[in-house]
Amino acid sequence: MEEQRLPSEGQLQLPLHVPAAPTYAASLASIQEAHLRIAPFIHLTPVMTSSSLDDLAGRCLYFKCEAFQKGGAFKFRGACNAVFSLSNESASRGVLTHSSGNHAAAVALAAKLRKVPAYVVIPKNTPKCKVDNVHRYGGNVKWCEPTMESREKEAQILQNQTGAVLIHPFNDCQIISGQGTIALEFLQQVPQLDAIVVPISGGGLISGITLAAKALKSTIQIFAAEPNGADDAAQSKAAGTLLTSPHCGTIADGLRAWLGTLTWPVVRDLVDEVITVDDNEIVEAMMMCYERLKVVVEPSGAVGLAAVLSEQFRSGARAVKCQHVGIVLSGGNIDLGNLFEKFKLAC
């Protein structure tokens, strides 16, 4: 019988199976690298406050105004990082994406800055102002039906025709890293933040922000803000598994996608809670941004404020100790034609 050797005194005996630490699509290092890459091109967006909104919320609110970013939304950060990460050979083939608007314009602008072609698949119900932005930045537009299946199908056809590199709107490591640069700036601008509230759809924005913020400040709480009519993140979080909602009904056109394979693990493991709000609450929050902050936001951009003012947030156990709350106003691309027509009629 073979002799079994026991570990000698002082010798460490390791377990047979050591669980590996989870790895995610981005890290603090990749986000810091992204910030260095895109810094020459992006705006350092301001943080605004409002004492009247503080009183209404019962806590100090800080608004990171990504509506002032190039292209009118946070999306330019990720698109810029993705496009400028490409090798010269890859970039020369052009870039391709599918988007309900803001990412489409962001990719078109980043491609214009790098002097390469951009091909964009856009749903037919995309707001005109967002389509106009794509044209303004020189993007080549192909229309599709307003479903994720149609977007992905048409993008694949276009990629086969052009050979362009696909820049996915959220399920992409470079996109996630680029969006995470918001947290680097936000915590430098407002170090005392207890929590950050972030709109959620495909999850690129909240994944990047969460990974950066929690690496820099482990105690910070991250809340996702989501419309009731497109609540796949809330359902997935509750079920503990990735779910999709093919049929979305919400005024927030930028929040109609669902989580991806790269973003879901971050939401599942690190996002503290998903707050859902209805469209009426979103519109009320938009009005407050217009009237009190004097900032133009689209419905998707106002969902964070709607979440903070909701009963779910106010009465939640996690939010009780959060007295300094950051809110990402993610974008401000909205058609104002009807509003100005009313002004003209009043003249």
Protein backbone atom coordinates (compact mmCIF):
# COMPACT_ATOMS: atom_id res chain seq x y z
CA MET A 1 0.00 0.00 0.00
CA GLU A 2 1.39 3.39 -1.00
CA GLU A 3 2.31 5.62 1.90
CA GLN A 4 0.29 8.86 2.17
CA ARG A 5 2.28 11.91 3.15
CA LEU A 6 0.68 14.40 5.52
CA PRO A 7 1.56 18.11 5.30
CA SER A 8 4.45 18.97 7.54
CA GLU A 9 4.14 21.53 10.33
CA GLY A 10 3.82 25.01 8.90
CA GLN A 11 3.03 23.69 5.43
CA LEU A 12 -0.14 25.20 3.92
CA GLN A 13 -2.73 22.70 2.74
CA LEU A 14 -4.93 24.28 0.05
CA PRO A 15 -8.46 23.06 -0.72
CA LEU A 16 -8.79 21.08 -3.92
CA HIS A 17 -11.15 23.64 -5.53
CA VAL A 18 -10.51 27.33 -4.91
CA PRO A 19 -13.38 29.44 -6.30
CA ALA A 20 -12.03 32.06 -8.68
CA ALA A 21 -12.92 35.70 -8.20
CA PRO A 22 -15.56 36.77 -10.72
CA THR A 23 -14.28 38.54 -13.80
CA TYR A 24 -16.30 41.14 -15.65
CA ALA A 25 -16.16 42.77 -19.07
CA ALA A 26 -14.35 45.85 -17.73
CA SER A 27 -12.20 46.83 -14.77
CA LEU A 28 -11.03 50.00 -13.08
CA ALA A 29 -7.81 49.72 -15.10
CA SER A 30 -9.63 49.42 -18.46
CA ILE A 31 -11.91 52.33 -17.53
CA GLN A 32 -8.97 54.52 -16.55
CA GLU A 33 -7.25 53.58 -19.82
CA ALA A 34 -10.45 54.49 -21.70
CA HIS A 35 -10.53 57.90 -20.01
CA LEU A 36 -7.00 58.64 -21.17
CA ARG A 37 -7.91 57.56 -24.71
CA ILE A 38 -11.08 59.63 -25.05
CA ALA A 39 -10.14 62.68 -22.96
CA PRO A 40 -9.07 64.73 -26.03
CA PHE A 41 -12.50 64.25 -27.60
CA ILE A 42 -15.15 64.27 -24.84
CA HIS A 43 -16.56 67.02 -22.65
CA LEU A 44 -15.98 66.91 -18.91
CA THR A 45 -19.68 67.27 -18.12
CA PRO A 46 -20.76 69.45 -15.21
CA VAL A 47 -22.52 68.43 -12.00
CA MET A 48 -25.54 70.56 -11.13
CA THR A 49 -27.57 70.88 -7.94
CA SER A 50 -30.96 72.29 -6.96
CA SER A 51 -31.96 73.18 -3.41
CA SER A 52 -35.65 72.85 -4.29
CA LEU A 53 -35.12 69.32 -5.61
CA ASP A 54 -33.06 68.51 -2.51
CA ASP A 55 -36.00 69.59 -0.36
CA LEU A 56 -38.39 67.51 -2.44
CA ALA A 57 -36.21 64.41 -2.23
CA GLY A 58 -35.22 64.88 1.42
CA ARG A 59 -31.52 64.45 0.58
CA CYS A 60 -28.76 66.16 -1.41
CA LEU A 61 -28.94 65.42 -5.13
CA TYR A 62 -26.14 65.86 -7.64
CA PHE A 63 -26.90 65.72 -11.36
CA LYS A 64 -24.19 64.55 -13.76
CA CYS A 65 -25.30 66.31 -16.95
CA GLU A 66 -24.46 63.92 -19.78
CA ALA A 67 -27.04 65.76 -21.87
CA PHE A 68 -24.18 68.24 -22.38
CA GLN A 69 -21.87 65.55 -23.76
CA LYS A 70 -20.98 65.61 -27.47
CA GLY A 71 -23.85 64.12 -29.41
CA GLY A 72 -26.20 65.09 -26.58
CA ALA A 73 -25.78 61.90 -24.55
CA PHE A 74 -23.35 59.73 -22.60
CA LYS A 75 -23.11 57.32 -25.54
CA PHE A 76 -20.23 59.23 -27.13
CA ARG A 77 -17.89 58.07 -24.37
CA GLY A 78 -18.25 54.38 -25.16
CA ALA A 79 -18.43 54.85 -28.93
CA CYS A 80 -15.33 57.02 -28.93
CA ASN A 81 -13.40 54.47 -26.87
CA ALA A 82 -14.52 51.58 -29.10
CA VAL A 83 -13.72 53.31 -32.40
CA PHE A 84 -10.34 54.66 -31.28
CA SER A 85 -9.39 51.26 -29.83
CA LEU A 86 -9.51 49.68 -33.29
CA SER A 87 -6.37 48.98 -35.26
CA ASN A 88 -5.85 51.04 -38.39
CA GLU A 89 -6.56 47.99 -40.55
CA SER A 90 -9.86 47.23 -38.79
CA ALA A 91 -10.97 50.87 -38.71
CA SER A 92 -10.33 51.26 -42.44
CA ARG A 93 -13.20 48.84 -43.14
CA GLY A 94 -15.59 51.21 -41.37
CA VAL A 95 -17.76 50.70 -38.31
CA LEU A 96 -21.33 49.47 -37.96
CA THR A 97 -23.96 49.56 -35.25
CA HIS A 98 -27.67 49.29 -34.54
CA SER A 99 -29.34 51.74 -32.19
CA SER A 100 -32.53 53.57 -31.28
CA GLY A 101 -30.69 56.86 -31.74
CA ASN A 102 -28.06 58.12 -29.30
CA HIS A 103 -25.52 55.34 -29.82
CA ALA A 104 -26.06 55.63 -33.57
CA ALA A 105 -25.13 59.30 -33.53
CA ALA A 106 -22.22 58.66 -31.16
CA VAL A 107 -20.70 56.02 -33.45
CA ALA A 108 -21.20 58.27 -36.48
CA LEU A 109 -19.43 61.14 -34.71
CA ALA A 110 -16.56 58.96 -33.47
CA ALA A 111 -16.13 57.54 -36.97
CA LYS A 112 -16.12 61.04 -38.43
CA LEU A 113 -13.37 62.06 -36.01
CA ARG A 114 -11.33 59.00 -37.03
CA LYS A 115 -12.17 59.62 -40.69
CA VAL A 116 -13.74 56.21 -41.37
CA PRO A 117 -17.21 55.25 -42.67
CA ALA A 118 -20.10 54.57 -40.28
CA TYR A 119 -23.09 52.35 -41.11
CA VAL A 120 -26.08 52.59 -38.79
CA VAL A 121 -29.25 50.47 -38.48
CA ILE A 122 -32.03 52.55 -36.91
CA PRO A 123 -35.62 51.58 -35.97
CA LYS A 124 -38.34 53.32 -37.96
CA ASN A 125 -39.86 54.88 -34.82
CA THR A 126 -36.67 56.65 -33.72
CA PRO A 127 -37.22 60.35 -32.86
CA LYS A 128 -36.38 62.64 -35.76
CA CYS A 129 -33.83 64.67 -33.80
CA LYS A 130 -31.75 61.52 -33.18
CA VAL A 131 -31.86 60.53 -36.85
CA ASP A 132 -30.87 64.08 -37.80
CA ASN A 133 -27.81 63.76 -35.55
CA VAL A 134 -26.71 60.61 -37.40
CA HIS A 135 -27.03 62.37 -40.76
CA ARG A 136 -25.25 65.45 -39.40
CA TYR A 137 -22.23 63.36 -38.43
CA GLY A 138 -22.11 61.60 -41.81
CA GLY A 139 -23.57 58.20 -40.87
CA ASN A 140 -25.08 55.94 -43.52
CA VAL A 141 -28.58 55.01 -42.32
CA LYS A 142 -30.45 51.74 -42.90
CA TRP A 143 -33.96 51.44 -41.45
CA CYS A 144 -35.35 48.46 -39.55
CA GLU A 145 -38.45 47.46 -37.61
CA PRO A 146 -38.57 48.64 -33.96
CA THR A 147 -37.54 45.31 -32.44
CA MET A 148 -34.19 44.01 -31.22
CA GLU A 149 -34.51 41.00 -33.54
CA SER A 150 -34.91 43.26 -36.59
CA ARG A 151 -32.05 45.51 -35.51
CA GLU A 152 -29.65 42.60 -35.13
CA LYS A 153 -30.78 40.90 -38.35
CA GLU A 154 -30.33 44.04 -40.48
CA ALA A 155 -26.99 44.79 -38.84
CA GLN A 156 -25.74 41.30 -39.73
CA ILE A 157 -26.84 41.76 -43.37
CA LEU A 158 -25.10 45.13 -43.53
CA GLN A 159 -21.92 43.74 -41.97
CA ASN A 160 -21.82 40.95 -44.56
CA GLN A 161 -22.17 43.54 -47.31
CA THR A 162 -19.59 46.05 -46.03
CA GLY A 163 -17.12 44.13 -43.87
CA ALA A 164 -17.43 46.90 -41.27
CA VAL A 165 -16.59 46.27 -37.61
CA LEU A 166 -19.66 45.93 -35.37
CA ILE A 167 -19.72 48.35 -32.43
CA HIS A 168 -22.45 46.88 -30.25
CA PRO A 169 -24.46 49.50 -28.33
CA PHE A 170 -23.88 47.89 -24.92
CA ASN A 171 -22.60 44.29 -25.02
CA ASP A 172 -19.00 45.31 -25.72
CA CYS A 173 -15.98 45.60 -23.40
CA GLN A 174 -14.76 48.88 -24.88
CA ILE A 175 -18.25 50.40 -24.74
CA ILE A 176 -18.61 49.44 -21.07
CA SER A 177 -15.17 50.84 -20.23
CA GLY A 178 -15.97 54.10 -22.01
CA GLN A 179 -19.26 54.57 -20.17
CA GLY A 180 -17.51 53.86 -16.87
CA THR A 181 -15.50 57.07 -17.24
CA ILE A 182 -18.57 58.91 -15.95
CA ALA A 183 -17.96 57.42 -12.50
CA LEU A 184 -14.31 58.50 -12.50
CA GLU A 185 -15.36 62.08 -13.07
CA PHE A 186 -18.43 61.99 -10.81
CA LEU A 187 -16.54 60.76 -7.74
CA GLN A 188 -13.80 63.29 -8.33
CA GLN A 189 -16.37 66.07 -8.63
CA VAL A 190 -18.48 64.86 -5.66
CA PRO A 191 -16.36 62.57 -3.44
CA GLN A 192 -19.06 62.37 -0.74
CA LEU A 193 -21.53 60.44 -2.91
CA ASP A 194 -23.31 57.64 -1.03
CA ALA A 195 -25.14 56.37 -4.10
CA ILE A 196 -25.44 56.77 -7.86
CA VAL A 197 -28.73 56.27 -9.71
CA VAL A 198 -28.30 55.20 -13.34
CA PRO A 199 -30.79 54.55 -16.16
CA ILE A 200 -30.72 50.91 -17.29
CA SER A 201 -31.52 49.31 -20.63
CA GLY A 202 -28.84 47.19 -22.29
CA GLY A 203 -26.67 47.79 -19.25
CA GLY A 204 -23.49 49.26 -20.75
CA LEU A 205 -23.82 52.50 -18.81
CA ILE A 206 -24.63 51.01 -15.42
CA SER A 207 -22.04 48.24 -15.81
CA GLY A 208 -19.20 50.67 -16.45
CA ILE A 209 -20.29 53.05 -13.71
CA THR A 210 -20.75 50.23 -11.20
CA LEU A 211 -17.37 48.64 -11.84
CA ALA A 212 -15.53 51.96 -11.57
CA ALA A 213 -17.49 53.37 -8.62
CA LYS A 214 -17.30 50.24 -6.47
CA ALA A 215 -13.58 49.88 -7.16
CA LEU A 216 -12.99 53.46 -6.05
CA LYS A 217 -15.47 53.46 -3.14
CA SER A 218 -16.59 50.04 -1.95
CA THR A 219 -19.42 51.39 0.23
CA ILE A 220 -21.21 53.23 -2.56
CA GLN A 221 -24.70 52.04 -3.51
CA ILE A 222 -25.68 51.69 -7.18
CA PHE A 223 -29.36 51.90 -8.09
CA ALA A 224 -30.72 51.13 -11.56
CA ALA A 225 -33.68 53.19 -12.78
CA GLU A 226 -36.01 51.48 -15.24
CA PRO A 227 -39.46 52.10 -16.80
CA ASN A 228 -42.27 49.74 -15.78
CA GLY A 229 -42.98 49.14 -19.44
CA ALA A 230 -39.47 47.80 -20.10
CA ASP A 231 -38.59 46.18 -16.78
CA ASP A 232 -36.51 43.20 -17.88
CA ALA A 233 -33.67 44.22 -15.54
CA ALA A 234 -35.97 44.27 -12.51
CA GLN A 235 -37.46 40.93 -13.51
CA SER A 236 -34.03 39.41 -14.12
CA LYS A 237 -32.67 40.70 -10.82
CA ALA A 238 -35.65 39.26 -8.94
CA ALA A 239 -35.43 35.90 -10.71
CA GLY A 240 -31.66 35.65 -10.50
CA THR A 241 -31.45 34.79 -14.18
CA LEU A 242 -31.37 36.79 -17.40
CA LEU A 243 -34.85 37.44 -18.81
CA THR A 244 -35.89 39.40 -21.88
CA SER A 245 -39.00 41.43 -22.67
CA PRO A 246 -39.52 41.44 -26.44
CA HIS A 247 -42.54 43.76 -26.20
CA CYS A 248 -41.67 47.07 -24.54
CA GLY A 249 -44.08 49.92 -23.96
CA THR A 250 -42.56 53.11 -22.57
CA ILE A 251 -42.07 56.75 -23.50
CA ALA A 252 -38.36 56.27 -22.78
CA ASP A 253 -37.31 55.17 -26.28
CA GLY A 254 -33.66 54.85 -25.23
CA LEU A 255 -34.50 52.21 -22.61
CA ARG A 256 -36.19 49.57 -24.77
CA ALA A 257 -33.27 47.16 -25.11
CA TRP A 258 -32.54 44.31 -22.72
CA LEU A 259 -29.43 43.25 -20.83
CA GLY A 260 -26.59 41.47 -22.62
CA THR A 261 -24.33 38.59 -21.69
CA LEU A 262 -21.55 40.97 -20.65
CA THR A 263 -23.71 43.43 -18.72
CA TRP A 264 -26.01 41.00 -16.89
CA PRO A 265 -23.28 39.58 -14.59
CA VAL A 266 -22.45 43.09 -13.33
CA VAL A 267 -26.12 43.91 -12.72
CA ARG A 268 -26.70 40.52 -11.10
CA ASP A 269 -23.70 40.68 -8.75
CA LEU A 270 -22.99 44.35 -8.08
CA VAL A 271 -26.01 46.58 -8.74
CA ASP A 272 -27.74 46.98 -5.38
CA GLU A 273 -31.34 47.49 -6.50
CA VAL A 274 -33.51 48.20 -9.53
CA ILE A 275 -36.13 50.95 -9.08
CA THR A 276 -39.02 50.91 -11.56
CA VAL A 277 -41.20 53.92 -12.42
CA ASP A 278 -44.13 54.54 -14.72
CA ASP A 279 -44.20 56.93 -17.67
CA ASN A 280 -46.16 59.58 -15.76
CA GLU A 281 -43.39 59.72 -13.16
CA ILE A 282 -40.81 60.05 -15.93
CA VAL A 283 -42.67 62.97 -17.52
CA GLU A 284 -42.97 64.69 -14.12
CA ALA A 285 -39.22 64.29 -13.64
CA MET A 286 -38.59 65.74 -17.10
CA MET A 287 -40.64 68.80 -16.20
CA MET A 288 -38.62 69.29 -13.02
CA CYS A 289 -35.37 69.11 -14.95
CA TYR A 290 -36.66 71.72 -17.40
CA GLU A 291 -38.20 74.03 -14.79
CA ARG A 292 -35.72 73.77 -11.92
CA LEU A 293 -32.40 72.67 -13.39
CA LYS A 294 -33.01 74.42 -16.73
CA VAL A 295 -31.63 71.31 -18.47
CA VAL A 296 -33.25 69.70 -21.50
CA VAL A 297 -33.49 65.94 -20.95
CA GLU A 298 -35.20 63.19 -22.90
CA PRO A 299 -37.44 60.68 -21.09
CA SER A 300 -34.60 58.16 -20.77
CA GLY A 301 -32.45 60.86 -19.21
CA ALA A 302 -35.04 61.77 -16.58
CA VAL A 303 -35.73 58.25 -15.29
CA GLY A 304 -33.06 58.56 -12.58
CA LEU A 305 -34.74 61.56 -10.96
CA ALA A 306 -38.11 59.81 -11.27
CA ALA A 307 -36.63 56.84 -9.41
CA VAL A 308 -35.22 58.94 -6.55
CA LEU A 309 -38.60 60.63 -6.05
CA SER A 310 -40.50 57.33 -6.16
CA GLU A 311 -42.01 55.66 -3.12
CA GLN A 312 -39.98 52.52 -3.82
CA PHE A 313 -36.75 54.47 -3.35
CA ARG A 314 -37.92 56.68 -0.48
CA SER A 315 -39.14 53.75 1.61
CA GLY A 316 -36.39 51.33 0.67
CA ALA A 317 -34.01 50.10 3.34
CA ARG A 318 -30.96 50.63 1.15
CA ALA A 319 -31.71 54.29 0.47
CA VAL A 320 -32.19 55.36 4.10
CA LYS A 321 -28.52 56.11 4.69
CA CYS A 322 -27.97 57.63 1.25
CA GLN A 323 -27.93 61.37 1.89
CA HIS A 324 -25.69 62.33 -1.03
CA VAL A 325 -27.15 60.83 -4.20
CA GLY A 326 -25.75 61.21 -7.70
CA ILE A 327 -28.14 61.02 -10.65
CA VAL A 328 -26.96 60.52 -14.23
CA LEU A 329 -28.97 62.67 -16.65
CA SER A 330 -28.00 60.39 -19.51
CA GLY A 331 -29.19 62.35 -22.55
CA GLY A 332 -31.11 65.29 -23.92
CA ASN A 333 -32.06 64.43 -27.48
CA ILE A 334 -35.77 65.08 -27.77
CA ASP A 335 -37.96 66.46 -30.55
CA LEU A 336 -39.07 69.94 -29.52
CA GLY A 337 -40.84 70.74 -32.79
CA ASN A 338 -44.34 70.48 -31.32
CA LEU A 339 -43.40 72.74 -28.43
CA PHE A 340 -42.10 75.48 -30.69
CA GLU A 341 -45.08 75.15 -33.00
CA LYS A 342 -47.29 76.00 -30.01
CA PHE A 343 -45.17 79.08 -29.34
CA LYS A 344 -45.55 80.15 -32.96
CA LEU A 345 -49.32 79.71 -32.80
CA ALA A 346 -49.39 81.93 -29.73
CA CYS A 347 -47.57 84.77 -31.55
